[in-house]
C-alpha atoms as a PDB file:
ATOM      1  CA  MET A   1      94.394 124.424  80.391  1.00  0.00           C
ATOM      2  CA  VAL A   2      95.871 123.145  77.136  1.00  0.00           C
ATOM      3  CA  GLY A   3      94.967 119.562  78.041  1.00  0.00           C
ATOM      4  CA  SER A   4      91.363 120.558  78.617  1.00  0.00           C
ATOM      5  CA  ALA A   5      91.189 122.349  75.298  1.00  0.00           C
ATOM      6  CA  GLU A   6      92.636 119.326  73.528  1.00  0.00           C
ATOM      7  CA  ALA A   7      90.210 116.971  75.240  1.00  0.00           C
ATOM      8  CA  LEU A   8      87.313 119.228  74.277  1.00  0.00           C
ATOM      9  CA  GLN A   9      88.509 119.364  70.670  1.00  0.00           C
ATOM     10  CA  THR A  10      88.794 115.575  70.584  1.00  0.00           C
ATOM     11  CA  ALA A  11      85.257 115.208  71.932  1.00  0.00           C
ATOM     12  CA  LEU A  12      83.803 117.678  69.450  1.00  0.00           C
ATOM     13  CA  ASN A  13      85.407 115.842  66.537  1.00  0.00           C
ATOM     14  CA  MET A  14      84.538 112.329  67.796  1.00  0.00           C
ATOM     15  CA  PRO A  15      82.128 110.312  65.680  1.00  0.00           C
ATOM     16  CA  LEU A  16      78.639 109.957  67.165  1.00  0.00           C
ATOM     17  CA  ALA A  17      78.975 106.155  67.546  1.00  0.00           C
ATOM     18  CA  GLU A  18      82.145 106.522  69.576  1.00  0.00           C
ATOM     19  CA  ARG A  19      80.555 109.229  71.768  1.00  0.00           C
ATOM     20  CA  ASN A  20      77.609 106.957  72.393  1.00  0.00           C
ATOM     21  CA  GLU A  21      79.863 104.028  73.318  1.00  0.00           C
ATOM     22  CA  ARG A  22      81.898 106.176  75.720  1.00  0.00           C
ATOM     23  CA  HIS A  23      78.770 107.602  77.261  1.00  0.00           C
ATOM     24  CA  ALA A  24      77.293 104.169  77.821  1.00  0.00           C
ATOM     25  CA  ALA A  25      80.504 102.936  79.412  1.00  0.00           C
ATOM     26  CA  MET A  26      80.673 105.988  81.683  1.00  0.00           C
ATOM     27  CA  MET A  27      77.045 105.587  82.761  1.00  0.00           C
ATOM     28  CA  GLU A  28      77.619 101.909  83.594  1.00  0.00           C
ATOM     29  CA  THR A  29      80.598 102.874  85.742  1.00  0.00           C
ATOM     30  CA  ILE A  30      78.489 105.487  87.530  1.00  0.00           C
ATOM     31  CA  ARG A  31      75.720 102.977  88.135  1.00  0.00           C
ATOM     32  CA  ARG A  32      78.163 100.475  89.629  1.00  0.00           C
ATOM     33  CA  HIS A  33      80.011 103.021  91.773  1.00  0.00           C
ATOM     34  CA  ASP A  34      77.306 105.286  93.088  1.00  0.00           C
ATOM     35  CA  ILE A  35      77.200 107.099  96.434  1.00  0.00           C
ATOM     36  CA  ARG A  36      76.221 103.915  98.302  1.00  0.00           C
ATOM     37  CA  VAL A  37      79.371 102.152  97.110  1.00  0.00           C
ATOM     38  CA  SER A  38      81.471 105.159  98.081  1.00  0.00           C
ATOM     39  CA  ARG A  39      79.832 105.276 101.510  1.00  0.00           C
ATOM     40  CA  ASP A  40      80.326 101.558 102.096  1.00  0.00           C
ATOM     41  CA  ASN A  41      83.994 101.796 101.078  1.00  0.00           C
ATOM     42  CA  PHE A  42      84.514 104.772 103.358  1.00  0.00           C
ATOM     43  CA  VAL A  43      82.878 103.106 106.340  1.00  0.00           C
ATOM     44  CA  ARG A  44      84.848  99.880 105.729  1.00  0.00           C
ATOM     45  CA  GLN A  45      88.090 101.841 105.696  1.00  0.00           C
ATOM     46  CA  LEU A  46      87.171 103.553 108.954  1.00  0.00           C
ATOM     47  CA  GLN A  47      86.389 100.182 110.522  1.00  0.00           C
ATOM     48  CA  ASP A  48      89.704  98.783 109.319  1.00  0.00           C
ATOM     49  CA  THR A  49      91.595 101.563 111.099  1.00  0.00           C
ATOM     50  CA  ARG A  50      89.990 100.527 114.410  1.00  0.00           C
ATOM     51  CA  GLN A  51      91.114  96.906 114.161  1.00  0.00           C
END
């Protein structure tokens, strides 16, 4: 709980430019690793267990 409060405090005090940079980086990660990527990785792992 303390870690969450500290993270929230850090975010609230973060300069707008840094928040924007972090948001853009997070969105790019989400775009690259969407549900299709997760599905493909899961199916590949299942197939690997059968070999």
